[in-house]
Amino acid sequence: MKVKICGLKEAKDVETAIEAGADFIGFVFAPSKRQITKKHAHELAKKIPKRVKIVGVFVDAPLEEVLDFIKSVPLDLVQCHGNESVVYLNQLPVPAIKAFGVQSDFALEKLKPYADHYLLLDAPIAGNGETFEWKNLAIPVDYRKQLFLAGGLTASNVQSAIRYFHPLVVDVSSGVETNQQKDPQKIKEFIKKAKEVA
């Protein structure tokens, strides 16, 4: 099981995540309480080994801007949380993760146009620590190899989520925080629990 720790801003938290076995580090460049500058992300990226992939999180950012971040940070993947089109994603020189906020009336048909990219299922409002209704969604086996799962995951529910969805990657931000700050113990515990699932 692969793990992405998202919304990192401090060198100590990046180091903790890497040492604990994170596979992906997420930097948020979209307006958010976890937003980080390109320059700061570049400095942190220097400490990240090649085996750990760096993901940049954007919301409807101009393509030219994203291309600049890919080159400057540099980024291994781009995560898109807005209304980005398939045409937009296809112009990115690195793999794209298209995020979907899952509401009660969510239709799996929405995923089809993006089937050549990674797919991220998240809560309706990303980053607020809430889960979506898992039982409302039966993910086809075809999508599991490209599926990132987020939305209110914590060390206490991540194993259940993995067993239910069989995703490629579990993705956490607020679930490893205490008082809106990354918590090293929670990061370690989350990664440990996720990787224990056979």
N, C-alpha and C. Protein backbone atom coordinates (compact mmCIF):
# COMPACT_ATOMS: atom_id res chain seq x y z
N MET A 1 0.85 -1.20 0.00
CA MET A 1 0.00 0.00 0.00
C MET A 1 0.88 1.24 0.00
N LYS A 2 0.58 2.15 -0.90
CA LYS A 2 1.35 3.40 -0.98
C LYS A 2 0.62 4.50 -0.21
N VAL A 3 1.42 5.42 0.36
CA VAL A 3 0.88 6.48 1.22
C VAL A 3 1.37 7.84 0.75
N LYS A 4 0.43 8.79 0.69
CA LYS A 4 0.77 10.19 0.38
C LYS A 4 0.45 11.04 1.61
N ILE A 5 1.46 11.78 2.08
CA ILE A 5 1.25 12.74 3.16
C ILE A 5 1.20 14.11 2.50
N CYS A 6 0.07 14.79 2.64
CA CYS A 6 -0.15 16.03 1.89
C CYS A 6 -0.16 17.25 2.81
N GLY A 7 0.05 18.41 2.19
CA GLY A 7 -0.02 19.67 2.94
C GLY A 7 1.18 19.91 3.82
N LEU A 8 2.35 19.41 3.43
CA LEU A 8 3.56 19.58 4.23
C LEU A 8 4.21 20.94 3.95
N LYS A 9 4.69 21.56 5.01
CA LYS A 9 5.31 22.89 4.88
C LYS A 9 6.64 23.00 5.62
N GLU A 10 6.89 22.09 6.56
CA GLU A 10 8.09 22.17 7.40
C GLU A 10 9.06 21.04 7.08
N ALA A 11 10.35 21.38 7.10
CA ALA A 11 11.38 20.37 6.80
C ALA A 11 11.30 19.18 7.74
N LYS A 12 11.04 19.43 9.01
CA LYS A 12 10.99 18.34 10.00
C LYS A 12 9.85 17.36 9.67
N ASP A 13 8.74 17.89 9.16
CA ASP A 13 7.60 17.03 8.83
C ASP A 13 7.87 16.22 7.56
N VAL A 14 8.55 16.84 6.61
CA VAL A 14 8.95 16.12 5.39
C VAL A 14 9.87 14.96 5.77
N GLU A 15 10.84 15.25 6.65
CA GLU A 15 11.79 14.22 7.09
C GLU A 15 11.08 13.08 7.82
N THR A 16 10.15 13.44 8.69
CA THR A 16 9.38 12.42 9.43
C THR A 16 8.63 11.51 8.46
N ALA A 17 7.95 12.12 7.49
CA ALA A 17 7.16 11.35 6.53
C ALA A 17 8.05 10.40 5.72
N ILE A 18 9.21 10.89 5.28
CA ILE A 18 10.12 10.07 4.49
C ILE A 18 10.66 8.91 5.33
N GLU A 19 11.10 9.21 6.54
CA GLU A 19 11.65 8.18 7.43
C GLU A 19 10.61 7.12 7.78
N ALA A 20 9.35 7.54 7.87
CA ALA A 20 8.27 6.61 8.24
C ALA A 20 7.81 5.76 7.06
N GLY A 21 8.26 6.11 5.85
CA GLY A 21 7.94 5.28 4.68
C GLY A 21 6.94 5.85 3.70
N ALA A 22 6.71 7.17 3.74
CA ALA A 22 5.78 7.78 2.77
C ALA A 22 6.30 7.57 1.35
N ASP A 23 5.37 7.37 0.43
CA ASP A 23 5.73 7.18 -0.98
C ASP A 23 5.56 8.46 -1.79
N PHE A 24 4.67 9.34 -1.30
CA PHE A 24 4.40 10.61 -1.98
C PHE A 24 4.37 11.72 -0.93
N ILE A 25 4.93 12.88 -1.29
CA ILE A 25 4.87 14.09 -0.46
C ILE A 25 4.05 15.11 -1.25
N GLY A 26 3.03 15.68 -0.61
CA GLY A 26 2.18 16.65 -1.31
C GLY A 26 2.41 18.07 -0.84
N PHE A 27 2.65 18.96 -1.80
CA PHE A 27 2.77 20.40 -1.52
C PHE A 27 1.54 21.10 -2.11
N VAL A 28 0.86 21.88 -1.30
CA VAL A 28 -0.35 22.58 -1.74
C VAL A 28 0.02 23.97 -2.25
N PHE A 29 -0.22 24.23 -3.52
CA PHE A 29 0.06 25.54 -4.12
C PHE A 29 -1.22 26.34 -4.33
N ALA A 30 -2.35 25.72 -4.16
CA ALA A 30 -3.63 26.42 -4.26
C ALA A 30 -3.88 27.21 -2.98
N PRO A 31 -4.67 28.29 -3.03
CA PRO A 31 -4.98 29.06 -1.82
C PRO A 31 -5.57 28.13 -0.74
N SER A 32 -4.94 28.12 0.43
CA SER A 32 -5.31 27.19 1.49
C SER A 32 -4.49 27.52 2.72
N LYS A 33 -4.92 27.05 3.88
CA LYS A 33 -4.12 27.24 5.10
C LYS A 33 -2.82 26.44 5.03
N ARG A 34 -2.77 25.49 4.09
CA ARG A 34 -1.56 24.68 3.93
C ARG A 34 -0.73 25.11 2.71
N GLN A 35 -1.08 26.25 2.13
CA GLN A 35 -0.38 26.72 0.92
C GLN A 35 1.09 26.97 1.20
N ILE A 36 1.91 26.64 0.21
CA ILE A 36 3.36 26.82 0.31
C ILE A 36 3.84 27.55 -0.95
N THR A 37 4.91 28.31 -0.84
CA THR A 37 5.43 29.02 -2.01
C THR A 37 6.29 28.08 -2.86
N LYS A 38 6.45 28.45 -4.10
CA LYS A 38 7.29 27.67 -5.01
C LYS A 38 8.73 27.60 -4.49
N LYS A 39 9.23 28.71 -3.99
CA LYS A 39 10.61 28.78 -3.50
C LYS A 39 10.81 27.85 -2.30
N HIS A 40 9.86 27.89 -1.35
CA HIS A 40 9.96 27.06 -0.16
C HIS A 40 9.86 25.58 -0.52
N ALA A 41 8.95 25.26 -1.44
CA ALA A 41 8.80 23.87 -1.89
C ALA A 41 10.09 23.38 -2.56
N HIS A 42 10.73 24.26 -3.33
CA HIS A 42 12.00 23.92 -3.99
C HIS A 42 13.07 23.57 -2.95
N GLU A 43 13.13 24.35 -1.87
CA GLU A 43 14.11 24.08 -0.80
C GLU A 43 13.82 22.74 -0.13
N LEU A 44 12.56 22.47 0.14
CA LEU A 44 12.19 21.20 0.78
C LEU A 44 12.44 20.02 -0.16
N ALA A 45 12.21 20.24 -1.45
CA ALA A 45 12.37 19.16 -2.44
C ALA A 45 13.80 18.64 -2.50
N LYS A 46 14.75 19.50 -2.16
CA LYS A 46 16.17 19.09 -2.18
C LYS A 46 16.44 17.96 -1.20
N LYS A 47 15.61 17.87 -0.16
CA LYS A 47 15.81 16.85 0.89
C LYS A 47 15.05 15.55 0.61
N ILE A 48 14.30 15.53 -0.48
CA ILE A 48 13.44 14.38 -0.76
C ILE A 48 14.13 13.41 -1.72
N PRO A 49 14.33 12.15 -1.30
CA PRO A 49 14.99 11.17 -2.19
C PRO A 49 14.13 10.85 -3.41
N LYS A 50 14.79 10.39 -4.46
CA LYS A 50 14.10 10.11 -5.73
C LYS A 50 12.97 9.10 -5.59
N ARG A 51 13.11 8.15 -4.65
CA ARG A 51 12.09 7.11 -4.50
C ARG A 51 10.76 7.68 -4.00
N VAL A 52 10.82 8.85 -3.37
CA VAL A 52 9.60 9.51 -2.88
C VAL A 52 9.17 10.55 -3.91
N LYS A 53 7.95 10.42 -4.39
CA LYS A 53 7.47 11.30 -5.46
C LYS A 53 6.84 12.59 -4.89
N ILE A 54 7.13 13.70 -5.55
CA ILE A 54 6.61 15.00 -5.11
C ILE A 54 5.39 15.38 -5.94
N VAL A 55 4.30 15.68 -5.22
CA VAL A 55 3.03 16.01 -5.87
C VAL A 55 2.68 17.47 -5.59
N GLY A 56 2.36 18.22 -6.63
CA GLY A 56 1.91 19.60 -6.47
C GLY A 56 0.40 19.66 -6.60
N VAL A 57 -0.25 20.33 -5.65
CA VAL A 57 -1.71 20.41 -5.63
C VAL A 57 -2.17 21.79 -6.11
N PHE A 58 -3.03 21.80 -7.13
CA PHE A 58 -3.50 23.04 -7.75
C PHE A 58 -5.02 23.01 -7.90
N VAL A 59 -5.61 24.20 -8.02
CA VAL A 59 -7.04 24.33 -8.32
C VAL A 59 -7.20 25.32 -9.46
N ASP A 60 -7.54 24.82 -10.64
CA ASP A 60 -7.77 25.67 -11.81
C ASP A 60 -6.66 26.69 -12.06
N ALA A 61 -5.43 26.26 -11.88
CA ALA A 61 -4.29 27.16 -12.13
C ALA A 61 -4.02 27.23 -13.63
N PRO A 62 -3.57 28.40 -14.13
CA PRO A 62 -3.22 28.48 -15.56
C PRO A 62 -2.16 27.44 -15.90
N LEU A 63 -2.27 26.84 -17.06
CA LEU A 63 -1.35 25.78 -17.46
C LEU A 63 0.11 26.24 -17.40
N GLU A 64 0.37 27.47 -17.86
CA GLU A 64 1.75 27.99 -17.88
C GLU A 64 2.34 28.02 -16.46
N GLU A 65 1.50 28.38 -15.50
CA GLU A 65 1.94 28.44 -14.11
C GLU A 65 2.31 27.05 -13.59
N VAL A 66 1.45 26.07 -13.89
CA VAL A 66 1.71 24.70 -13.45
C VAL A 66 2.98 24.15 -14.10
N LEU A 67 3.18 24.43 -15.38
CA LEU A 67 4.39 23.99 -16.08
C LEU A 67 5.63 24.57 -15.43
N ASP A 68 5.54 25.82 -15.00
CA ASP A 68 6.66 26.47 -14.32
C ASP A 68 6.97 25.77 -12.98
N PHE A 69 5.93 25.44 -12.22
CA PHE A 69 6.12 24.76 -10.94
C PHE A 69 6.73 23.37 -11.14
N ILE A 70 6.26 22.66 -12.17
CA ILE A 70 6.78 21.32 -12.46
C ILE A 70 8.30 21.37 -12.64
N LYS A 71 8.72 22.38 -13.37
CA LYS A 71 10.15 22.54 -13.68
C LYS A 71 10.95 23.07 -12.49
N SER A 72 10.38 24.05 -11.79
CA SER A 72 11.12 24.77 -10.75
C SER A 72 11.24 24.03 -9.43
N VAL A 73 10.20 23.28 -9.02
CA VAL A 73 10.24 22.69 -7.68
C VAL A 73 11.29 21.58 -7.56
N PRO A 74 11.38 20.56 -8.39
CA PRO A 74 10.48 20.12 -9.45
C PRO A 74 9.41 19.15 -8.91
N LEU A 75 8.38 18.92 -9.73
CA LEU A 75 7.27 18.04 -9.34
C LEU A 75 7.28 16.76 -10.18
N ASP A 76 6.90 15.66 -9.54
CA ASP A 76 6.79 14.37 -10.23
C ASP A 76 5.36 14.12 -10.73
N LEU A 77 4.40 14.67 -10.01
CA LEU A 77 2.99 14.54 -10.38
C LEU A 77 2.26 15.84 -10.08
N VAL A 78 1.13 16.05 -10.76
CA VAL A 78 0.29 17.23 -10.51
C VAL A 78 -1.10 16.75 -10.13
N GLN A 79 -1.61 17.28 -9.02
CA GLN A 79 -2.96 16.93 -8.53
C GLN A 79 -3.88 18.12 -8.77
N CYS A 80 -4.97 17.87 -9.49
CA CYS A 80 -5.88 18.94 -9.91
C CYS A 80 -7.22 18.83 -9.19
N HIS A 81 -7.59 19.86 -8.45
CA HIS A 81 -8.81 19.84 -7.65
C HIS A 81 -9.92 20.75 -8.19
N GLY A 82 -9.73 21.28 -9.38
CA GLY A 82 -10.75 22.19 -9.90
C GLY A 82 -11.56 21.57 -11.01
N ASN A 83 -11.82 22.38 -12.05
CA ASN A 83 -12.61 21.93 -13.20
C ASN A 83 -11.71 21.66 -14.41
N GLU A 84 -10.50 21.22 -14.13
CA GLU A 84 -9.54 20.99 -15.21
C GLU A 84 -10.07 19.93 -16.18
N SER A 85 -9.91 20.22 -17.46
CA SER A 85 -10.41 19.32 -18.50
C SER A 85 -9.39 18.22 -18.80
N VAL A 86 -9.85 17.21 -19.53
CA VAL A 86 -8.95 16.14 -19.98
C VAL A 86 -7.87 16.73 -20.88
N VAL A 87 -8.25 17.68 -21.72
CA VAL A 87 -7.30 18.34 -22.63
C VAL A 87 -6.18 19.02 -21.82
N TYR A 88 -6.57 19.68 -20.74
CA TYR A 88 -5.61 20.35 -19.83
C TYR A 88 -4.64 19.31 -19.25
N LEU A 89 -5.19 18.23 -18.70
CA LEU A 89 -4.34 17.20 -18.07
C LEU A 89 -3.40 16.57 -19.08
N ASN A 90 -3.87 16.39 -20.29
CA ASN A 90 -3.05 15.76 -21.33
C ASN A 90 -1.86 16.62 -21.75
N GLN A 91 -1.90 17.90 -21.41
CA GLN A 91 -0.79 18.80 -21.77
C GLN A 91 0.30 18.84 -20.70
N LEU A 92 0.05 18.18 -19.59
CA LEU A 92 1.05 18.15 -18.52
C LEU A 92 2.14 17.13 -18.86
N PRO A 93 3.41 17.48 -18.62
CA PRO A 93 4.49 16.55 -18.96
C PRO A 93 4.75 15.49 -17.88
N VAL A 94 3.97 15.54 -16.80
CA VAL A 94 4.09 14.55 -15.72
C VAL A 94 2.71 13.93 -15.48
N PRO A 95 2.64 12.78 -14.81
CA PRO A 95 1.32 12.18 -14.54
C PRO A 95 0.41 13.12 -13.75
N ALA A 96 -0.87 13.06 -14.06
CA ALA A 96 -1.86 13.90 -13.39
C ALA A 96 -2.77 13.06 -12.50
N ILE A 97 -3.19 13.68 -11.39
CA ILE A 97 -4.17 13.08 -10.49
C ILE A 97 -5.38 14.00 -10.53
N LYS A 98 -6.51 13.50 -11.02
CA LYS A 98 -7.73 14.33 -11.06
C LYS A 98 -8.57 14.02 -9.83
N ALA A 99 -8.84 15.05 -9.04
CA ALA A 99 -9.59 14.89 -7.79
C ALA A 99 -11.08 15.10 -8.00
N PHE A 100 -11.86 14.31 -7.30
CA PHE A 100 -13.31 14.41 -7.34
C PHE A 100 -13.85 14.45 -5.91
N GLY A 101 -14.67 15.45 -5.62
CA GLY A 101 -15.34 15.52 -4.33
C GLY A 101 -16.58 14.64 -4.40
N VAL A 102 -16.66 13.66 -3.52
CA VAL A 102 -17.75 12.68 -3.59
C VAL A 102 -18.93 13.12 -2.72
N GLN A 103 -20.03 13.48 -3.37
CA GLN A 103 -21.27 13.81 -2.67
C GLN A 103 -22.23 12.63 -2.79
N SER A 104 -23.35 12.73 -2.10
CA SER A 104 -24.29 11.61 -2.06
C SER A 104 -24.79 11.20 -3.44
N ASP A 105 -24.85 12.15 -4.38
CA ASP A 105 -25.34 11.83 -5.72
C ASP A 105 -24.21 11.62 -6.73
N PHE A 106 -23.00 11.35 -6.23
CA PHE A 106 -21.84 11.21 -7.11
C PHE A 106 -22.04 10.06 -8.10
N ALA A 107 -21.76 10.34 -9.37
CA ALA A 107 -21.92 9.32 -10.42
C ALA A 107 -20.55 8.87 -10.92
N LEU A 108 -20.35 7.57 -10.95
CA LEU A 108 -19.07 7.03 -11.42
C LEU A 108 -18.78 7.40 -12.87
N GLU A 109 -19.82 7.78 -13.60
CA GLU A 109 -19.65 8.20 -15.00
C GLU A 109 -18.67 9.37 -15.10
N LYS A 110 -18.62 10.18 -14.05
CA LYS A 110 -17.72 11.36 -14.05
C LYS A 110 -16.25 10.95 -14.21
N LEU A 111 -15.92 9.74 -13.76
CA LEU A 111 -14.53 9.30 -13.81
C LEU A 111 -14.09 8.90 -15.22
N LYS A 112 -15.03 8.43 -16.01
CA LYS A 112 -14.70 7.82 -17.31
C LYS A 112 -13.81 8.67 -18.22
N PRO A 113 -14.12 9.96 -18.42
CA PRO A 113 -13.27 10.75 -19.32
C PRO A 113 -11.81 10.85 -18.85
N TYR A 114 -11.60 10.66 -17.55
CA TYR A 114 -10.27 10.83 -16.97
C TYR A 114 -9.56 9.49 -16.74
N ALA A 115 -10.07 8.44 -17.37
CA ALA A 115 -9.60 7.08 -17.08
C ALA A 115 -8.13 6.85 -17.41
N ASP A 116 -7.52 7.73 -18.20
CA ASP A 116 -6.10 7.57 -18.52
C ASP A 116 -5.20 8.23 -17.48
N HIS A 117 -5.79 8.80 -16.46
CA HIS A 117 -5.03 9.49 -15.42
C HIS A 117 -5.30 8.85 -14.06
N TYR A 118 -4.54 9.28 -13.04
CA TYR A 118 -4.86 8.85 -11.68
C TYR A 118 -6.14 9.55 -11.24
N LEU A 119 -6.92 8.86 -10.42
CA LEU A 119 -8.19 9.40 -9.94
C LEU A 119 -8.14 9.50 -8.42
N LEU A 120 -8.52 10.65 -7.88
CA LEU A 120 -8.54 10.84 -6.43
C LEU A 120 -9.97 11.06 -5.96
N LEU A 121 -10.44 10.21 -5.08
CA LEU A 121 -11.75 10.39 -4.47
C LEU A 121 -11.56 11.07 -3.12
N ASP A 122 -12.27 12.17 -2.91
CA ASP A 122 -12.09 12.99 -1.72
C ASP A 122 -13.45 13.39 -1.16
N ALA A 123 -13.43 13.98 0.03
CA ALA A 123 -14.65 14.52 0.60
C ALA A 123 -15.11 15.71 -0.25
N PRO A 124 -16.38 16.11 -0.14
CA PRO A 124 -16.86 17.25 -0.94
C PRO A 124 -16.03 18.51 -0.74
N ILE A 125 -15.56 18.74 0.50
CA ILE A 125 -14.67 19.87 0.76
C ILE A 125 -13.32 19.28 1.17
N ALA A 126 -12.34 19.40 0.27
CA ALA A 126 -11.04 18.78 0.52
C ALA A 126 -10.33 19.43 1.70
N GLY A 127 -9.61 18.61 2.46
CA GLY A 127 -8.74 19.13 3.52
C GLY A 127 -9.42 19.48 4.83
N ASN A 128 -10.72 19.14 4.96
CA ASN A 128 -11.39 19.52 6.22
C ASN A 128 -11.57 18.34 7.18
N GLY A 129 -10.97 17.20 6.82
CA GLY A 129 -10.97 16.07 7.74
C GLY A 129 -12.25 15.26 7.78
N GLU A 130 -13.13 15.45 6.80
CA GLU A 130 -14.38 14.69 6.79
C GLU A 130 -14.33 13.58 5.76
N THR A 131 -14.94 12.45 6.11
CA THR A 131 -15.03 11.36 5.15
C THR A 131 -16.28 11.56 4.29
N PHE A 132 -16.32 10.86 3.17
CA PHE A 132 -17.57 10.81 2.40
C PHE A 132 -18.22 9.45 2.69
N GLU A 133 -19.44 9.29 2.25
CA GLU A 133 -20.16 8.03 2.52
C GLU A 133 -19.61 6.91 1.65
N TRP A 134 -18.76 6.08 2.23
CA TRP A 134 -18.13 5.01 1.47
C TRP A 134 -19.15 4.07 0.86
N LYS A 135 -20.17 3.72 1.63
CA LYS A 135 -21.12 2.70 1.15
C LYS A 135 -21.90 3.14 -0.08
N ASN A 136 -21.86 4.46 -0.38
CA ASN A 136 -22.57 4.95 -1.57
C ASN A 136 -21.80 4.69 -2.86
N LEU A 137 -20.57 4.19 -2.72
CA LEU A 137 -19.71 4.11 -3.89
C LEU A 137 -19.06 2.73 -4.01
N ALA A 138 -19.34 2.05 -5.08
CA ALA A 138 -18.69 0.77 -5.37
C ALA A 138 -17.75 1.01 -6.55
N ILE A 139 -16.47 1.05 -6.27
CA ILE A 139 -15.49 1.37 -7.32
C ILE A 139 -15.21 0.13 -8.17
N PRO A 140 -15.36 0.24 -9.49
CA PRO A 140 -15.05 -0.89 -10.36
C PRO A 140 -13.58 -1.32 -10.20
N VAL A 141 -13.34 -2.60 -10.29
CA VAL A 141 -11.98 -3.15 -10.14
C VAL A 141 -11.02 -2.46 -11.11
N ASP A 142 -11.50 -2.12 -12.30
CA ASP A 142 -10.66 -1.48 -13.33
C ASP A 142 -9.97 -0.21 -12.83
N TYR A 143 -10.61 0.49 -11.93
CA TYR A 143 -10.08 1.78 -11.47
C TYR A 143 -9.10 1.66 -10.30
N ARG A 144 -9.03 0.51 -9.68
CA ARG A 144 -8.24 0.40 -8.44
C ARG A 144 -6.76 0.69 -8.62
N LYS A 145 -6.22 0.34 -9.78
CA LYS A 145 -4.78 0.51 -10.02
C LYS A 145 -4.38 1.98 -10.17
N GLN A 146 -5.37 2.86 -10.31
CA GLN A 146 -5.05 4.28 -10.49
C GLN A 146 -5.72 5.14 -9.42
N LEU A 147 -6.25 4.49 -8.38
CA LEU A 147 -7.07 5.19 -7.41
C LEU A 147 -6.30 5.71 -6.20
N PHE A 148 -6.40 7.02 -5.97
CA PHE A 148 -5.94 7.65 -4.73
C PHE A 148 -7.19 7.88 -3.88
N LEU A 149 -7.11 7.58 -2.60
CA LEU A 149 -8.26 7.75 -1.71
C LEU A 149 -7.92 8.73 -0.60
N ALA A 150 -8.77 9.75 -0.44
CA ALA A 150 -8.57 10.76 0.61
C ALA A 150 -9.91 11.03 1.29
N GLY A 151 -9.93 12.03 2.13
CA GLY A 151 -11.19 12.44 2.77
C GLY A 151 -11.37 11.87 4.15
N GLY A 152 -10.83 12.56 5.15
CA GLY A 152 -11.07 12.18 6.54
C GLY A 152 -10.38 10.91 6.99
N LEU A 153 -9.33 10.51 6.28
CA LEU A 153 -8.60 9.30 6.70
C LEU A 153 -7.74 9.60 7.93
N THR A 154 -7.69 8.63 8.83
CA THR A 154 -6.87 8.71 10.04
C THR A 154 -6.27 7.33 10.29
N ALA A 155 -5.38 7.24 11.28
CA ALA A 155 -4.80 5.94 11.63
C ALA A 155 -5.88 4.95 12.06
N SER A 156 -6.98 5.46 12.59
CA SER A 156 -8.03 4.56 13.10
C SER A 156 -8.98 4.03 12.02
N ASN A 157 -9.08 4.72 10.88
CA ASN A 157 -10.00 4.22 9.84
C ASN A 157 -9.32 3.84 8.53
N VAL A 158 -8.01 4.05 8.42
CA VAL A 158 -7.35 3.83 7.12
C VAL A 158 -7.38 2.36 6.71
N GLN A 159 -7.26 1.45 7.67
CA GLN A 159 -7.28 0.03 7.29
C GLN A 159 -8.65 -0.38 6.74
N SER A 160 -9.71 0.11 7.36
CA SER A 160 -11.06 -0.17 6.86
C SER A 160 -11.25 0.39 5.46
N ALA A 161 -10.72 1.60 5.25
CA ALA A 161 -10.84 2.25 3.93
C ALA A 161 -10.11 1.45 2.86
N ILE A 162 -8.93 0.95 3.20
CA ILE A 162 -8.13 0.17 2.24
C ILE A 162 -8.87 -1.12 1.89
N ARG A 163 -9.42 -1.78 2.90
CA ARG A 163 -10.13 -3.04 2.66
C ARG A 163 -11.40 -2.83 1.84
N TYR A 164 -12.02 -1.66 1.99
CA TYR A 164 -13.26 -1.37 1.26
C TYR A 164 -12.99 -0.98 -0.19
N PHE A 165 -12.00 -0.09 -0.40
CA PHE A 165 -11.78 0.46 -1.74
C PHE A 165 -10.64 -0.19 -2.52
N HIS A 166 -9.67 -0.81 -1.83
CA HIS A 166 -8.48 -1.37 -2.49
C HIS A 166 -7.79 -0.33 -3.38
N PRO A 167 -7.48 0.85 -2.84
CA PRO A 167 -6.86 1.88 -3.68
C PRO A 167 -5.37 1.60 -3.91
N LEU A 168 -4.81 2.33 -4.85
CA LEU A 168 -3.37 2.29 -5.08
C LEU A 168 -2.65 3.08 -3.97
N VAL A 169 -3.25 4.22 -3.61
CA VAL A 169 -2.64 5.14 -2.64
C VAL A 169 -3.68 5.67 -1.67
N VAL A 170 -3.32 5.75 -0.38
CA VAL A 170 -4.15 6.49 0.57
C VAL A 170 -3.47 7.83 0.84
N ASP A 171 -4.28 8.87 0.94
CA ASP A 171 -3.80 10.25 0.94
C ASP A 171 -4.35 10.96 2.17
N VAL A 172 -3.47 11.54 2.98
CA VAL A 172 -3.92 12.16 4.23
C VAL A 172 -3.28 13.53 4.43
N SER A 173 -4.05 14.44 5.04
CA SER A 173 -3.51 15.75 5.42
C SER A 173 -3.97 16.08 6.85
N SER A 174 -5.23 16.47 6.99
CA SER A 174 -5.71 16.86 8.33
C SER A 174 -5.70 15.68 9.31
N GLY A 175 -5.79 14.45 8.80
CA GLY A 175 -5.80 13.27 9.66
C GLY A 175 -4.50 12.98 10.36
N VAL A 176 -3.44 13.71 9.99
CA VAL A 176 -2.16 13.57 10.71
C VAL A 176 -1.75 14.92 11.33
N GLU A 177 -2.77 15.69 11.71
CA GLU A 177 -2.51 16.99 12.33
C GLU A 177 -3.09 17.05 13.74
N THR A 178 -2.48 17.89 14.57
CA THR A 178 -3.01 18.25 15.88
C THR A 178 -2.99 19.77 15.95
N ASN A 179 -4.13 20.37 16.22
CA ASN A 179 -4.23 21.84 16.24
C ASN A 179 -3.73 22.47 14.94
N GLN A 180 -4.12 21.85 13.82
CA GLN A 180 -3.79 22.33 12.46
C GLN A 180 -2.30 22.34 12.15
N GLN A 181 -1.53 21.58 12.91
CA GLN A 181 -0.10 21.42 12.64
C GLN A 181 0.18 19.93 12.45
N LYS A 182 1.08 19.61 11.52
CA LYS A 182 1.43 18.21 11.32
C LYS A 182 2.01 17.64 12.62
N ASP A 183 1.58 16.42 12.94
CA ASP A 183 1.96 15.76 14.18
C ASP A 183 2.82 14.55 13.82
N PRO A 184 4.11 14.55 14.20
CA PRO A 184 5.00 13.46 13.79
C PRO A 184 4.52 12.07 14.22
N GLN A 185 3.93 11.97 15.40
CA GLN A 185 3.44 10.68 15.87
C GLN A 185 2.27 10.18 15.00
N LYS A 186 1.40 11.12 14.64
CA LYS A 186 0.26 10.74 13.80
C LYS A 186 0.71 10.34 12.39
N ILE A 187 1.73 11.03 11.87
CA ILE A 187 2.27 10.67 10.56
C ILE A 187 2.82 9.24 10.59
N LYS A 188 3.61 8.95 11.61
CA LYS A 188 4.21 7.61 11.74
C LYS A 188 3.15 6.54 11.90
N GLU A 189 2.16 6.82 12.74
CA GLU A 189 1.11 5.84 13.03
C GLU A 189 0.25 5.58 11.79
N PHE A 190 -0.06 6.64 11.05
CA PHE A 190 -0.88 6.49 9.84
C PHE A 190 -0.16 5.60 8.83
N ILE A 191 1.09 5.91 8.57
CA ILE A 191 1.85 5.13 7.58
C ILE A 191 1.98 3.68 8.02
N LYS A 192 2.26 3.47 9.30
CA LYS A 192 2.39 2.11 9.84
C LYS A 192 1.10 1.32 9.63
N LYS A 193 -0.03 1.93 9.99
CA LYS A 193 -1.33 1.25 9.86
C LYS A 193 -1.65 0.94 8.40
N ALA A 194 -1.39 1.91 7.52
CA ALA A 194 -1.71 1.72 6.10
C ALA A 194 -0.89 0.57 5.50
N LYS A 195 0.37 0.51 5.88
CA LYS A 195 1.26 -0.49 5.27
C LYS A 195 1.14 -1.86 5.91
N GLU A 196 0.43 -1.94 7.01
CA GLU A 196 0.17 -3.24 7.65
C GLU A 196 -0.87 -4.07 6.91
N VAL A 197 -1.72 -3.40 6.12
CA VAL A 197 -2.82 -4.10 5.46
C VAL A 197 -2.28 -4.96 4.32
N ALA A 198 -2.56 -6.24 4.38
CA ALA A 198 -2.05 -7.16 3.35
C ALA A 198 -2.84 -6.98 2.07
